[in-house]
């Protein structure tokens, strides 16, 4: 490992094993963050020029080298590896190697604390924006499926027991509305975290009139995060907000996948998935396994575990504490897994094909009992009396059909009144934001 940027002439060299422990996974994890750190460094250079710390020529040289570093990282002519403590050290090493003394000027007015904060913030914003794209695709796919299957019969279950006739359209519309809620949450979280921490240094500001509004605009933040102490105290808190928002998406995806896990069994046999979404067994030639569905269902565990880990770490006093380094690994792993899962969800929705004959065959006469009780009550019989009467007269239900049941289900949101236009309108309003 190269000498740490905090190494002083009078400081004894820290034991190698201790340095490796303290660096941890940083150089591996920072490969996802270094691009954002470089962009923030370019903005910081411009802010130093704005307050006459750097002249125009120096600013141009530094920005050109930072752009070159992005290219060198892309073509692997410069590699972020265990020579460095973290991506911040690597950037400074590169600039000093290329520009000498000029490269040593870049760190004025900032700390690795606000460096990692701004890089992480930019990463989280970009990740949430990608999640918004995937959520919109999922909503569109669910609404399309709901429209195409509005009155396609399927059994409705409570307590995992057959309850009443339902429809595929109702099932799809339910997930459409769930993802619309999730989209709204994602957008709200973007707004919450859209604050620039760069220029708060180690949590107490600096004795320079840093051009923080300039860096805020350069980096595309909506506002400046004003208080330096809160900037440090918000580490972990903002990350938890992002994870919670993503977890809501994965919670609904998990439920969708759970349903498919049941519906694709031979015992239910309600759904078929495309061959490209299933796998086989290494020993059983007859198997066609829904591995994709099962792994998407399991993805929620990754984000839930990350939230627990971050919550456990955040029992800290005000200001920066090194404990916060351990938030990085679970955060990046959880966000990566969430985005992978959300990317696949629209494809899974589009590939979900219900077997209409099998669905209709699963409807039996007792499932019309609720309809009959409501009909009697609507004619004047007290509902509790109608309930008891119908429970003793299942034989009167055999002439009914599931199509009749669905046609009569006209309460707002029910099978014959899915209110898809209202859902689409709400979705459109969120798209326009």
Foldseek 3Di string as FASTA:
>chain_A
DADAPPDDPPDDDDDPVVLCVLLDCALVLCVLQLLQLLLLLLLLLVLCCVQPVDPPVLSVVLNVQSVVVVVCPVVVVDGRDPVYSHSVRVSLVSQCVVPNPSSVSSCPQAAVLLSVLRSVLLSLLVLLVLLLVLLLLLLVLLLVQLVVWLLQWFFDDDPNDGAAIATPSLVSLVLSLLSLVLSVLSVVLSLVSLARLTRLHQQNGDPGPGPQVSSSVSSVGPYHPPGSQVSQLCQLVSLLSSLVSLLSVLVSLLVVLVVVVVCVDPVNVFKDFDQVQWDADPPDPPDTHNVVSVVSNVLSVLSVVLSVVSVVLSPDDTTHDSSSVVSSVSSVVSSVSSSVSSNCSSVRSNRIDTDSVSRQVPDAQVNCLVVQLVVVVVVPDPSVVSSVVSVVPSVVRHVDGSSVVLCPQCDDCGSNHVVSVVSVVSSVVSVVD
